[in-house]
Structures are given as structure tokens and as C-alpha cells.
Amino acid sequence: MSVEEYVVATLVVVMAVIAGQLVAGRLRAPGAVVLVLLGMALGAVPWMHSLSIPPEVILLVFLPPLIYNAAFFSSPKDMREQLRPIVVMAVGMTLATAFGLAGIVYLLIPSVGWPAAIALGAAVAPTDAVAASAILRRVGTPRRVLTVLEGESLINDGVALTLFTLAVTAMSHPLTPEEGLVELVRVVAGGLLYGAVVALAVSWSRSRMSDPSLQLMVVLVTPFAAYVPAEMAGLSGVLAAVVAGIYLGTRGDGLLPPRVRASGRTIWSTLVGLLESMLFVILGLQLDAVVTAVREHFALLDLVWVALATTVAAVALRMGLTLAVFPLRRLEASDLRERVVIGWSGMRGAISLAIALSLPATLGGDPFTDRGGLIFVAGVVVLGTLVGQGMTLPPLLRRLGMTDERVRQREFLRADERMGCAALDRVDELLREGEVDERTAESLRGVYTRRLGRVRALLEDGDGSARERVDGGRAVHAQITQARRDALLTMYREGEIDHEVFQEMSRELDIRDPGTGPH
């Protein structure tokens, strides 16, 4: 395909993502399934059917921002408190799952060989906590369960991709155990060291930038600066991106001004959501070619059986290992419910899909004929766990009595109350220091006292009346804000202000409008 055709194909995939998310929202259907179906429909178009995406593109374009995003928004403090179970699950359980699934695949399809089977096991071993966390947060699951799942998901990506890289290397150049161990140490240590260097360099440079545009550029390029050179040097790009993400994520508030942080979060969340969705459309696009290749080398029904067996084994292995060997010093042994939830929250997601799609098309110059079959199996595991476990997780939580939707809301309210008290204390300090006059201080006190009163009313709300009053006030505030916007637009249309003033005042309204919030 020409460059122009690739550009058009990318635009079509993006439009499919937008349409798929709209359809999934309307039908309340799993977004991943809708996106894969749309990708399959696009694959029926002749010129889209010929679209071929090199595996290197998946690794170098999709993986860096996805991995960096998970690391950046992680909580090292919470992870340290649950370090033992996180490490055991992220390393021990991931390796056990990878080799266990590899054994099943090799047992059912001996012709693929051990290295390829291990590569597939490594691809589908890591869990994706995004879907599970969204559900668990919404229903108010205990914080430590979320911390374990998110911490595990962050580390197991690096473990799985390192094992995947070694397995792919062994597919072309067989490694002895000693060579494999030396290579593992080099890849891991080099990735960690390089990631630390990138994090320090980016931190130093960002702290000396005053231009918001430059700061956002650095934010967007950092995951690629951490991942791509590391991979080119034969090191672990995943671990480099994780180290950079965690370090910069804990220092982001001090390095960027509030307005840049707000814009960066919006841009970053949009980019990550788009890339994750595009992967599912790409899977649908490649399914037809995969099935065609599969039919040449495998009996389709046999491969479907292998895929289903691998999916069931992936779920059963995680649940069994979680219940049997999960370390109990940090999670109470008596609360079996938490371990059941952790075991059932092992959905696979975009990372597994990206790793599977990055399997090499050739080995030693010859076509890798088993690639299509392995991608097919990985796709079934990802979709099967996302749909099967994702749709049954909320009923399971309700059945176990682990739902309290007010828990997270009250956490927001307590934080808001503490911030309001700090604001009032600071106003008094400024008045004593002569930084503000009595009139200004009284005005500021009124603003924060009213907000604090609403927050405390919600905290003490028993019959829902305070919530109704706050919702009513929020509706009134929305009407007032809209009136301000209308007045600004009228002035612009009548030529009383120029475009630059209009844009700047609109941004001020967007930033300062407190009419919405998580609680």
C-alpha cells in the first residue's frame, strides 16, 4: 500500500473507533466486541483487506504510551503498602500462567514448538486492570483490592514482554539456560537504568520550561523516548517506560502548572483511549487474513478448540493460584471474598493484543506460518476474558456483598472538606500577614465557607435531602454559567471583543467553572 492509502486507512480506523464507541454506548454492549466486529466489516472492503501492519509498528507506536500511562497514574505509596502480594502476583503468577498456557498450547499443537508456545503464553499472561478497576471503583470495592490489581498490571507487563522477547529470540536463535539468564539480566538491568536516566533528564528539562506548548510536547514524546531507544539497544523498553512513568508521575504536580496538567490529562486520556480502541479494530481487520492463514496450516475447528481451552485455562489458572498461593500477610486470610474478586478480575486487554500482534511475520527470512494461529488464540483469550469476566464481575461483587457505591463518594467529600479547611486557615494567615485586606478576606471566607457547608451537609446526609439541594444548586449554577457564555458570545459576534479575547475568556470559564465534580 502507498503512503496515501495508509493515511486514509488510519482515518477509517479512527472513524470506526468513534462509531463503535457510540454504538456500544447505545446498545450497552462490550465496546471491545463491537470494535472487533466493525474491524471485520471493514476487512470486507477490498483495499482495506490488503492493509498490512508491520509488527514493529504495534510495538513502537501502541505499546509505549499504553505502558507509560499506566505507570504515570499509578500510586507508589499504595503499592508499597501491598508490595508483597503485588510482586508475587506480577512476577510469580505471570510466569506460572505464561508457562502453564504454553504447556497447554504445546500439548494441543506440538508443531508450533516450545519457543512459540511460550511467546503466546507470555502475550496472554498479563492482566489489564483498566476494565476491572472501572467496575470496582464504581461499586466501591475496598481500596487495597484496587491497589493490588493495578500494581500487578503495571509490573506484569514488563515481566511478560521480557519473557516474550526472549521467546521470540529463541524462535530464531536457540538459547541455552545460561545464555537466557545472562540475556535476561542484561535486558532487565539495562531497561531499568535507561528508564531512570530518561526520567531524570525529562524532569530536569521540564522544570526549566515555561512555555506550556513545549511542556505538552515533552509529555507526549517521553514514553517514546523511554521505550524506543531501549528496544533498539536490545534492552527492555517496557521497564524503561515504567520507571520513567512512575518517577515523573509522582513529580508531575511540581513540574507542570495547573493549566498544563489539566490539558495534558485530557490529551493523554484521549490518546490512550484511541490507541486501545484502534487495537481491537485492527484485530478485526486482521481476523480474515488470520483465518485464511489458519486454514492453510490448521484445522479451523481444532484451533477454535485450542483457543477455548486456552481461555478457560487462563481463567482457571489465575483463580486457582490466587486462592491457593496468594500471600495473606497483607490481605486478611479470613476474607476469602477479596481473593475471589482479585482472581476473577484477570481480564486481558490491549497490552496482550498488542504483544500478540507484534509476533514476527518471518523467522530467519522464512514466513512464520504459525503466526496467524497464535494471534487467533490470543484474540479469543482477550475477547473471552473481557466479555465473560467483565460482564459477570458486577453480579459477583453484589453476590459477595462487596458493593458500597458511597465509599468513593465519601472519600472525595472528605478530601474536599480538608481542602476547604486549609483554604480558610490560609485566608486567616494572609490577613494577619497583611497580604489581603479585611474586605477581601471576608469575601474569600464566604466562598469557602459556603462550599464547606455543602460538603459537610453531604457527609452527614441521611435522607438524601442535602444531595437534592446540592443538585438543585448545581443546576442553577449551570444556568448562570451558560448566561455568562452567551453574553461573551454576543460581545464577540457584535465586534465588541476580538477573537483572542473571546478564546481566552472561554478558556477561563472552562477552567474556573466549578459546577461539576466527581462527588
Protein backbone atom coordinates (compact mmCIF):
# COMPACT_ATOMS: atom_id res chain seq x y z
CA MET A 1 0.00 0.00 0.00
CA SER A 2 1.11 3.58 -0.68
CA VAL A 3 1.62 6.21 2.00
CA GLU A 4 -1.63 7.90 0.99
CA GLU A 5 -3.53 4.65 1.37
CA TYR A 6 -2.07 4.10 4.83
CA VAL A 7 -3.15 7.61 5.87
CA VAL A 8 -6.68 7.03 4.57
CA ALA A 9 -6.80 3.60 6.24
CA THR A 10 -5.76 5.17 9.57
CA LEU A 11 -8.55 7.74 9.26
CA VAL A 12 -11.05 4.96 8.50
CA VAL A 13 -9.91 3.02 11.58
CA VAL A 14 -10.28 6.14 13.75
CA MET A 15 -13.79 6.76 12.39
CA ALA A 16 -14.61 3.12 13.13
CA VAL A 17 -13.45 3.65 16.73
CA ILE A 18 -15.75 6.64 17.14
CA ALA A 19 -18.71 4.81 15.56
CA GLY A 20 -18.02 1.69 17.60
CA GLN A 21 -17.95 3.56 20.90
CA LEU A 22 -21.23 5.30 20.03
CA VAL A 23 -22.90 2.01 19.09
CA ALA A 24 -21.56 0.23 22.18
CA GLY A 25 -22.89 3.03 24.39
CA ARG A 26 -26.33 2.92 22.80
CA LEU A 27 -26.60 -0.86 22.93
CA ARG A 28 -24.81 -1.15 26.29
CA ALA A 29 -22.69 -3.81 24.67
CA PRO A 30 -18.99 -4.54 25.37
CA GLY A 31 -17.01 -1.98 23.40
CA ALA A 32 -14.25 -4.44 22.51
CA VAL A 33 -16.68 -6.81 20.78
CA VAL A 34 -18.33 -4.01 18.79
CA LEU A 35 -14.94 -2.69 17.67
CA VAL A 36 -13.75 -6.13 16.55
CA LEU A 37 -16.97 -6.65 14.58
CA LEU A 38 -16.55 -3.26 12.90
CA GLY A 39 -12.97 -4.19 12.06
CA MET A 40 -14.19 -7.43 10.47
CA ALA A 41 -16.74 -5.44 8.45
CA LEU A 42 -14.01 -3.08 7.24
CA GLY A 43 -11.93 -6.11 6.30
CA ALA A 44 -14.57 -6.96 3.70
CA VAL A 45 -13.64 -3.77 1.80
CA PRO A 46 -11.05 -4.87 -0.83
CA TRP A 47 -8.49 -2.11 -0.31
CA MET A 48 -8.80 -2.35 3.49
CA HIS A 49 -8.47 -6.13 3.26
CA SER A 50 -4.96 -5.65 1.84
CA LEU A 51 -3.92 -3.47 4.79
CA SER A 52 -0.82 -4.99 6.37
CA ILE A 53 0.56 -3.53 9.59
CA PRO A 54 4.17 -4.48 10.36
CA PRO A 55 4.58 -5.99 13.86
CA GLU A 56 7.20 -3.33 14.65
CA VAL A 57 4.55 -0.61 14.32
CA ILE A 58 2.44 -2.26 17.03
CA LEU A 59 5.42 -2.44 19.38
CA LEU A 60 6.81 1.03 18.73
CA VAL A 61 3.62 3.06 18.29
CA PHE A 62 0.99 1.45 20.52
CA LEU A 63 2.87 -0.05 23.46
CA PRO A 64 4.92 2.95 24.72
CA PRO A 65 2.01 5.30 25.55
CA LEU A 66 -0.16 2.50 26.93
CA ILE A 67 2.52 1.28 29.33
CA TYR A 68 3.72 4.77 30.29
CA ASN A 69 0.15 5.89 31.01
CA ALA A 70 -0.43 3.01 33.44
CA ALA A 71 2.85 3.77 35.23
CA PHE A 72 2.34 7.55 35.34
CA PHE A 73 -1.04 7.34 37.07
CA SER A 74 -0.07 4.58 39.49
CA SER A 75 0.28 5.18 43.23
CA PRO A 76 3.73 4.15 44.52
CA LYS A 77 2.62 4.86 48.11
CA ASP A 78 -0.32 2.44 47.94
CA MET A 79 1.78 -0.08 46.03
CA ARG A 80 4.47 -0.09 48.73
CA GLU A 81 1.85 -1.00 51.32
CA GLN A 82 0.79 -4.02 49.26
CA LEU A 83 4.23 -4.79 47.80
CA ARG A 84 4.37 -8.47 48.78
CA PRO A 85 1.16 -9.62 47.07
CA ILE A 86 1.81 -7.34 44.09
CA VAL A 87 5.28 -8.77 43.44
CA VAL A 88 4.16 -12.37 43.95
CA MET A 89 1.26 -11.93 41.54
CA ALA A 90 3.03 -9.76 38.96
CA VAL A 91 6.13 -11.95 38.75
CA GLY A 92 5.31 -15.39 40.10
CA MET A 93 1.74 -15.68 38.86
CA THR A 94 2.55 -14.12 35.47
CA LEU A 95 5.42 -16.55 34.85
CA ALA A 96 3.38 -19.52 36.11
CA THR A 97 0.46 -18.54 33.87
CA ALA A 98 2.71 -17.98 30.85
CA PHE A 99 4.42 -21.36 31.14
CA GLY A 100 1.17 -23.12 32.08
CA LEU A 101 -0.62 -21.77 28.99
CA ALA A 102 2.45 -22.52 26.88
CA GLY A 103 2.30 -26.13 28.06
CA ILE A 104 -1.38 -26.40 27.08
CA VAL A 105 -0.78 -24.89 23.63
CA TYR A 106 2.22 -27.15 23.03
CA LEU A 107 0.25 -30.16 24.21
CA LEU A 108 -2.61 -29.41 21.80
CA ILE A 109 -0.46 -28.12 18.88
CA PRO A 110 3.01 -29.68 19.20
CA SER A 111 4.01 -28.40 15.75
CA VAL A 112 4.34 -24.78 16.98
CA GLY A 113 7.31 -25.67 19.19
CA TRP A 114 8.13 -24.56 22.71
CA PRO A 115 9.51 -21.04 21.94
CA ALA A 116 6.37 -20.04 20.00
CA ALA A 117 4.11 -21.56 22.66
CA ILE A 118 5.95 -19.62 25.38
CA ALA A 119 5.66 -16.43 23.29
CA LEU A 120 1.88 -16.92 23.13
CA GLY A 121 1.72 -17.70 26.84
CA ALA A 122 3.68 -14.53 27.61
CA ALA A 123 1.36 -12.48 25.38
CA VAL A 124 -1.84 -13.51 27.17
CA ALA A 125 -0.44 -13.89 30.69
CA PRO A 126 -0.51 -10.21 31.80
CA THR A 127 -3.81 -8.85 33.05
CA ASP A 128 -5.24 -5.44 32.18
CA ALA A 129 -6.64 -3.74 35.26
CA VAL A 130 -8.33 -0.89 33.36
CA ALA A 131 -11.67 -2.59 32.77
CA ALA A 132 -11.77 -4.23 36.20
CA SER A 133 -10.75 -1.04 38.02
CA ALA A 134 -13.51 0.96 36.35
CA ILE A 135 -16.10 -1.52 37.62
CA LEU A 136 -14.55 -1.89 41.07
CA ARG A 137 -14.30 1.87 41.62
CA ARG A 138 -17.90 2.41 40.56
CA VAL A 139 -19.26 -0.04 43.12
CA GLY A 140 -16.94 0.96 45.98
CA THR A 141 -14.70 -2.09 46.32
CA PRO A 142 -12.03 -1.87 49.09
CA ARG A 143 -9.03 0.22 48.09
CA ARG A 144 -6.44 -2.50 48.71
CA VAL A 145 -8.07 -4.76 46.11
CA LEU A 146 -7.73 -1.98 43.53
CA THR A 147 -4.14 -1.33 44.58
CA VAL A 148 -3.15 -4.98 44.18
CA LEU A 149 -4.80 -5.25 40.76
CA GLU A 150 -3.33 -2.02 39.41
CA GLY A 151 0.12 -2.70 40.84
CA GLU A 152 0.11 -6.22 39.42
CA SER A 153 -0.99 -4.98 35.99
CA LEU A 154 1.80 -2.39 35.95
CA ILE A 155 4.63 -4.83 36.71
CA ASN A 156 3.37 -7.89 34.86
CA ASP A 157 3.52 -6.07 31.52
CA GLY A 158 7.28 -5.76 31.88
CA VAL A 159 7.64 -9.36 33.04
CA ALA A 160 5.52 -10.72 30.19
CA LEU A 161 7.12 -8.65 27.43
CA THR A 162 10.63 -9.54 28.64
CA LEU A 163 9.71 -13.24 28.50
CA PHE A 164 8.05 -12.68 25.11
CA THR A 165 11.21 -11.04 23.75
CA LEU A 166 13.38 -13.93 24.94
CA ALA A 167 10.94 -16.46 23.45
CA VAL A 168 10.92 -14.68 20.07
CA THR A 169 14.73 -14.60 20.13
CA ALA A 170 14.79 -18.34 20.86
CA MET A 171 12.48 -18.97 17.90
CA SER A 172 15.28 -17.81 15.57
CA HIS A 173 18.37 -18.50 17.67
CA PRO A 174 18.01 -21.23 20.31
CA LEU A 175 19.31 -20.16 23.74
CA THR A 176 20.86 -22.30 26.45
CA PRO A 177 19.59 -21.69 30.01
CA GLU A 178 22.84 -19.90 30.87
CA GLU A 179 22.59 -17.64 27.82
CA GLY A 180 18.95 -16.96 28.59
CA LEU A 181 19.74 -15.94 32.18
CA VAL A 182 22.56 -13.61 31.11
CA GLU A 183 20.32 -12.06 28.47
CA LEU A 184 17.52 -11.63 31.00
CA VAL A 185 19.77 -9.79 33.46
CA ARG A 186 21.14 -7.55 30.71
CA VAL A 187 17.69 -6.70 29.33
CA VAL A 188 16.11 -6.01 32.73
CA ALA A 189 19.01 -4.11 34.32
CA GLY A 190 19.64 -2.09 31.18
CA GLY A 191 15.96 -1.17 30.83
CA LEU A 192 15.68 -0.06 34.45
CA LEU A 193 18.86 2.04 34.26
CA TYR A 194 17.94 3.68 30.96
CA GLY A 195 14.42 4.47 32.20
CA ALA A 196 15.90 6.20 35.27
CA VAL A 197 18.21 8.28 33.06
CA VAL A 198 15.28 9.36 30.84
CA ALA A 199 13.15 10.22 33.88
CA LEU A 200 15.86 12.41 35.41
CA ALA A 201 16.57 14.12 32.08
CA VAL A 202 12.91 14.86 31.42
CA SER A 203 12.39 16.07 34.99
CA TRP A 204 15.35 18.43 34.70
CA SER A 205 14.26 19.82 31.32
CA ARG A 206 10.57 20.22 32.20
CA SER A 207 11.36 22.13 35.40
CA ARG A 208 13.15 24.74 33.27
CA MET A 209 10.40 25.22 30.68
CA SER A 210 7.85 28.00 30.95
CA ASP A 211 6.13 27.53 27.59
CA PRO A 212 3.01 25.30 28.05
CA SER A 213 3.22 24.09 24.44
CA LEU A 214 6.79 22.85 24.92
CA GLN A 215 5.83 21.15 28.17
CA LEU A 216 2.98 19.27 26.48
CA MET A 217 5.31 18.26 23.65
CA VAL A 218 7.72 16.77 26.18
CA VAL A 219 4.83 14.96 27.89
CA LEU A 220 3.78 13.35 24.60
CA VAL A 221 7.27 12.36 23.46
CA THR A 222 8.53 10.99 26.83
CA PRO A 223 7.10 7.43 26.53
CA PHE A 224 8.66 7.02 23.09
CA ALA A 225 11.97 8.47 24.28
CA ALA A 226 11.98 5.89 27.07
CA TYR A 227 10.78 2.90 25.06
CA VAL A 228 12.16 3.11 21.51
CA PRO A 229 15.91 3.65 22.15
CA ALA A 230 15.85 0.95 24.83
CA GLU A 231 14.35 -1.54 22.39
CA MET A 232 16.84 -0.54 19.69
CA ALA A 233 19.66 -1.23 22.15
CA GLY A 234 18.21 -4.65 22.98
CA LEU A 235 17.05 -3.59 26.44
CA SER A 236 13.58 -3.73 28.00
CA GLY A 237 11.63 -0.77 26.64
CA VAL A 238 8.68 -1.71 28.83
CA LEU A 239 10.69 -1.44 32.06
CA ALA A 240 12.25 1.81 30.86
CA ALA A 241 8.79 3.27 30.21
CA VAL A 242 7.52 2.01 33.57
CA VAL A 243 10.41 3.55 35.51
CA ALA A 244 10.05 6.88 33.68
CA GLY A 245 6.29 6.88 34.16
CA ILE A 246 6.38 6.15 37.89
CA TYR A 247 9.12 8.72 38.59
CA LEU A 248 7.52 11.52 36.58
CA GLY A 249 4.02 10.63 37.76
CA THR A 250 5.00 11.23 41.37
CA ARG A 251 6.51 14.61 40.46
CA GLY A 252 4.06 15.83 37.83
CA ASP A 253 2.32 18.33 40.11
CA GLY A 254 5.57 20.10 40.87
CA LEU A 255 6.84 20.16 37.29
CA LEU A 256 3.77 21.43 35.45
CA PRO A 257 1.44 24.37 36.18
CA PRO A 258 -2.26 23.53 36.79
CA ARG A 259 -3.48 24.62 33.36
CA VAL A 260 -0.91 22.45 31.59
CA ARG A 261 -1.77 19.49 33.83
CA ALA A 262 -5.47 19.82 33.00
CA SER A 263 -4.78 19.99 29.26
CA GLY A 264 -2.24 17.16 29.46
CA ARG A 265 -4.66 14.81 31.24
CA THR A 266 -7.34 15.44 28.60
CA ILE A 267 -4.96 14.93 25.68
CA TRP A 268 -3.34 11.88 27.27
CA SER A 269 -6.57 10.10 28.19
CA THR A 270 -7.91 10.71 24.69
CA LEU A 271 -4.74 9.35 23.07
CA VAL A 272 -4.65 6.23 25.24
CA GLY A 273 -8.35 5.52 24.72
CA LEU A 274 -7.94 5.93 20.96
CA LEU A 275 -4.92 3.60 20.78
CA GLU A 276 -6.62 0.91 22.88
CA SER A 277 -9.73 1.03 20.70
CA MET A 278 -7.71 1.02 17.49
CA LEU A 279 -6.04 -2.23 18.53
CA PHE A 280 -9.41 -4.00 18.66
CA VAL A 281 -10.39 -2.63 15.24
CA ILE A 282 -7.02 -3.79 13.86
CA LEU A 283 -7.64 -7.25 15.33
CA GLY A 284 -10.96 -7.39 13.48
CA LEU A 285 -9.27 -6.23 10.27
CA GLN A 286 -6.67 -8.97 10.51
CA LEU A 287 -9.05 -11.75 11.53
CA ASP A 288 -9.99 -12.59 7.96
CA ALA A 289 -6.34 -12.84 6.91
CA VAL A 290 -5.60 -14.77 10.10
CA VAL A 291 -8.41 -17.26 9.47
CA THR A 292 -7.25 -17.69 5.85
CA ALA A 293 -3.71 -18.38 7.01
CA VAL A 294 -5.00 -20.68 9.73
CA ARG A 295 -6.94 -22.81 7.27
CA GLU A 296 -3.74 -23.42 5.30
CA HIS A 297 -1.89 -24.82 8.32
CA PHE A 298 -4.53 -25.80 10.91
CA ALA A 299 -7.98 -27.31 11.01
CA LEU A 300 -10.18 -24.36 12.00
CA LEU A 301 -12.32 -26.31 14.46
CA ASP A 302 -9.21 -27.70 16.11
CA LEU A 303 -7.84 -24.17 16.51
CA VAL A 304 -11.15 -22.95 17.96
CA TRP A 305 -10.91 -25.77 20.49
CA VAL A 306 -7.34 -24.75 21.35
CA ALA A 307 -8.44 -21.12 21.76
CA LEU A 308 -11.34 -22.02 24.04
CA ALA A 309 -9.19 -24.39 26.09
CA THR A 310 -6.52 -21.69 26.47
CA THR A 311 -9.14 -19.16 27.57
CA VAL A 312 -10.60 -21.49 30.19
CA ALA A 313 -7.11 -22.42 31.37
CA ALA A 314 -6.12 -18.75 31.68
CA VAL A 315 -9.13 -18.04 33.91
CA ALA A 316 -8.76 -21.26 35.93
CA LEU A 317 -5.01 -20.84 36.46
CA ARG A 318 -5.41 -17.33 37.82
CA MET A 319 -8.30 -18.22 40.09
CA GLY A 320 -6.57 -21.36 41.37
CA LEU A 321 -3.25 -19.62 42.00
CA THR A 322 -4.95 -16.67 43.70
CA LEU A 323 -6.87 -18.90 46.10
CA ALA A 324 -4.08 -21.41 46.69
CA VAL A 325 -0.81 -19.46 46.94
CA PHE A 326 -1.80 -15.82 47.29
CA PRO A 327 0.27 -14.30 50.15
CA LEU A 328 -2.03 -13.49 53.03
CA ARG A 329 0.05 -11.22 55.23
CA ARG A 330 -1.25 -8.11 53.53
CA LEU A 331 -4.75 -9.28 52.65
CA GLU A 332 -6.58 -10.88 55.54
CA ALA A 333 -6.75 -14.63 55.24
CA SER A 334 -10.26 -14.65 56.64
CA ASP A 335 -11.63 -12.52 53.82
CA LEU A 336 -11.87 -15.06 51.04
CA ARG A 337 -14.12 -12.68 49.10
CA GLU A 338 -11.27 -10.32 48.25
CA ARG A 339 -9.17 -13.13 46.81
CA VAL A 340 -12.13 -14.34 44.74
CA VAL A 341 -12.59 -10.83 43.32
CA ILE A 342 -8.87 -10.48 42.56
CA GLY A 343 -8.87 -13.89 40.88
CA TRP A 344 -11.93 -13.09 38.74
CA SER A 345 -10.61 -9.64 37.75
CA GLY A 346 -7.97 -11.09 35.46
CA MET A 347 -9.26 -9.72 32.17
CA ARG A 348 -6.77 -9.44 29.33
CA GLY A 349 -6.76 -6.26 27.29
CA ALA A 350 -4.98 -4.02 24.82
CA ILE A 351 -1.46 -4.85 26.02
CA SER A 352 -1.94 -8.59 25.39
CA LEU A 353 -3.42 -7.79 22.00
CA ALA A 354 -0.50 -5.53 21.09
CA ILE A 355 2.05 -8.15 22.14
CA ALA A 356 0.32 -10.88 20.12
CA LEU A 357 0.02 -8.67 17.02
CA SER A 358 3.76 -7.97 17.26
CA LEU A 359 4.69 -11.62 16.63
CA PRO A 360 7.22 -11.64 13.77
CA ALA A 361 5.95 -12.30 10.26
CA THR A 362 9.18 -14.06 9.30
CA LEU A 363 11.78 -16.16 11.07
CA GLY A 364 15.25 -16.31 9.57
CA GLY A 365 13.89 -14.99 6.29
CA ASP A 366 11.16 -17.64 6.05
CA PRO A 367 7.44 -16.94 6.67
CA PHE A 368 6.31 -17.66 10.22
CA THR A 369 3.37 -19.88 9.28
CA ASP A 370 2.09 -20.32 12.84
CA ARG A 371 1.69 -16.57 13.43
CA GLY A 372 -1.94 -16.40 12.30
CA GLY A 373 -2.98 -19.28 14.54
CA LEU A 374 -1.27 -17.79 17.58
CA ILE A 375 -2.89 -14.38 17.01
CA PHE A 376 -6.27 -16.09 16.65
CA VAL A 377 -5.84 -17.86 20.00
CA ALA A 378 -4.68 -14.64 21.70
CA GLY A 379 -7.64 -12.71 20.27
CA VAL A 380 -10.11 -15.27 21.62
CA VAL A 381 -8.48 -15.15 25.08
CA VAL A 382 -8.63 -11.35 25.17
CA LEU A 383 -12.25 -11.11 23.99
CA GLY A 384 -13.35 -14.09 26.08
CA THR A 385 -12.00 -12.68 29.33
CA LEU A 386 -13.06 -9.09 28.62
CA VAL A 387 -16.64 -10.10 27.85
CA GLY A 388 -17.06 -13.14 30.09
CA GLN A 389 -15.36 -11.85 33.22
CA GLY A 390 -16.15 -8.18 32.61
CA MET A 391 -19.90 -8.77 32.35
CA THR A 392 -20.07 -11.16 35.31
CA LEU A 393 -17.86 -9.14 37.68
CA PRO A 394 -20.61 -6.70 38.86
CA PRO A 395 -23.08 -9.53 39.74
CA LEU A 396 -20.26 -11.36 41.52
CA LEU A 397 -19.46 -8.27 43.59
CA ARG A 398 -23.11 -7.85 44.55
CA ARG A 399 -23.40 -11.54 45.43
CA LEU A 400 -20.32 -11.32 47.66
CA GLY A 401 -21.63 -8.17 49.35
CA MET A 402 -18.64 -6.06 48.30
CA THR A 403 -20.51 -3.10 46.81
CA ASP A 404 -20.84 0.24 48.54
CA GLU A 405 -21.08 3.00 45.97
CA ARG A 406 -20.92 5.67 48.69
CA VAL A 407 -17.37 4.74 49.75
CA ARG A 408 -15.61 6.52 46.90
CA GLN A 409 -18.02 9.47 47.04
CA ARG A 410 -17.30 9.99 50.75
CA GLU A 411 -13.57 9.83 50.06
CA PHE A 412 -13.90 12.72 47.63
CA LEU A 413 -16.02 14.64 50.14
CA ARG A 414 -13.53 14.15 52.98
CA ALA A 415 -10.73 15.40 50.73
CA ASP A 416 -12.83 18.41 49.74
CA GLU A 417 -13.57 19.14 53.42
CA ARG A 418 -9.87 19.04 54.33
CA MET A 419 -9.01 21.31 51.39
CA GLY A 420 -11.73 23.78 52.41
CA CYS A 421 -10.42 23.96 55.98
CA ALA A 422 -6.88 24.51 54.67
CA ALA A 423 -8.15 27.33 52.43
CA LEU A 424 -9.87 29.09 55.34
CA ASP A 425 -6.76 28.77 57.50
CA ARG A 426 -4.64 30.24 54.72
CA VAL A 427 -7.03 33.19 54.29
CA ASP A 428 -6.63 33.99 58.01
CA GLU A 429 -2.83 33.75 57.70
CA LEU A 430 -2.80 36.11 54.70
CA LEU A 431 -4.94 38.59 56.62
CA ARG A 432 -2.56 38.53 59.60
CA GLU A 433 0.43 38.96 57.30
CA GLY A 434 -1.19 41.94 55.60
CA GLU A 435 -1.32 40.25 52.19
CA VAL A 436 -5.09 40.88 51.88
CA ASP A 437 -7.43 43.41 53.49
CA GLU A 438 -10.41 42.57 55.71
CA ARG A 439 -12.94 43.01 52.92
CA THR A 440 -11.14 40.63 50.58
CA ALA A 441 -10.62 38.12 53.37
CA GLU A 442 -14.31 38.20 54.26
CA SER A 443 -15.27 37.63 50.64
CA LEU A 444 -12.94 34.66 50.36
CA ARG A 445 -14.17 33.24 53.65
CA GLY A 446 -17.73 33.41 52.34
CA VAL A 447 -16.84 31.44 49.20
CA TYR A 448 -15.04 28.64 51.04
CA THR A 449 -17.43 28.57 54.00
CA ARG A 450 -20.41 28.03 51.71
CA ARG A 451 -18.60 25.24 49.85
CA LEU A 452 -17.51 23.65 53.13
CA GLY A 453 -21.08 23.78 54.38
CA ARG A 454 -22.35 21.95 51.29
CA VAL A 455 -19.64 19.30 51.61
CA ARG A 456 -20.38 18.68 55.30
CA ALA A 457 -24.10 18.51 54.58
CA LEU A 458 -23.43 15.77 52.04
CA LEU A 459 -21.21 13.90 54.51
CA GLU A 460 -23.99 13.98 57.11
CA ASP A 461 -26.78 13.39 54.60
CA GLY A 462 -29.04 10.57 55.77
CA ASP A 463 -32.25 11.01 53.81
CA GLY A 464 -30.85 12.41 50.56
CA SER A 465 -32.23 15.92 51.12
CA ALA A 466 -28.77 17.53 51.08
CA ARG A 467 -27.96 15.81 47.81
CA GLU A 468 -31.17 17.19 46.30
CA ARG A 469 -30.27 20.72 47.45
CA VAL A 470 -26.74 20.46 46.04
CA ASP A 471 -28.03 19.07 42.74
CA GLY A 472 -30.53 21.91 42.58
CA GLY A 473 -27.78 24.44 43.24
CA ARG A 474 -25.61 22.85 40.60
CA ALA A 475 -28.43 23.16 38.05
CA VAL A 476 -28.84 26.85 38.90
CA HIS A 477 -25.08 27.37 38.63
CA ALA A 478 -25.08 25.73 35.20
CA GLN A 479 -27.73 28.20 34.01
CA ILE A 480 -25.71 31.14 35.36
CA THR A 481 -22.55 29.91 33.67
CA GLN A 482 -24.41 29.47 30.40
CA ALA A 483 -25.69 33.06 30.69
CA ARG A 484 -22.08 34.23 31.04
CA ARG A 485 -21.09 32.24 27.97
CA ASP A 486 -23.99 33.67 25.97
CA ALA A 487 -23.02 37.23 26.94
CA LEU A 488 -19.42 36.58 25.90
CA LEU A 489 -20.52 35.12 22.56
CA THR A 490 -22.84 38.10 21.91
CA MET A 491 -19.97 40.54 22.50
CA TYR A 492 -17.79 38.60 20.08
CA ARG A 493 -20.44 38.43 17.37
CA GLU A 494 -21.15 42.15 17.66
CA GLY A 495 -17.46 43.00 17.37
CA GLU A 496 -17.01 44.36 20.89
CA ILE A 497 -14.12 41.96 21.57
CA ASP A 498 -11.67 40.27 19.22
CA HIS A 499 -11.15 36.54 18.70
CA GLU A 500 -8.17 36.29 21.02
CA VAL A 501 -10.09 37.81 23.94
CA PHE A 502 -13.05 35.53 23.19
CA GLN A 503 -10.88 32.40 23.20
CA GLU A 504 -9.02 33.36 26.38
CA MET A 505 -12.20 34.22 28.30
CA SER A 506 -13.79 30.94 27.13
CA ARG A 507 -10.81 29.02 28.48
CA GLU A 508 -11.10 30.87 31.78
CA LEU A 509 -14.75 29.83 32.03
CA ASP A 510 -13.82 26.21 31.29
CA ILE A 511 -11.10 26.15 33.94
CA ARG A 512 -12.88 28.10 36.66
CA ASP A 513 -16.34 26.60 36.28
CA PRO A 514 -16.84 24.55 39.50
CA GLY A 515 -20.29 23.34 38.56
CA THR A 516 -19.19 19.75 38.02
CA GLY A 517 -17.08 17.39 40.04
CA PRO A 518 -16.53 13.72 40.86
CA HIS A 519 -18.63 13.88 44.06
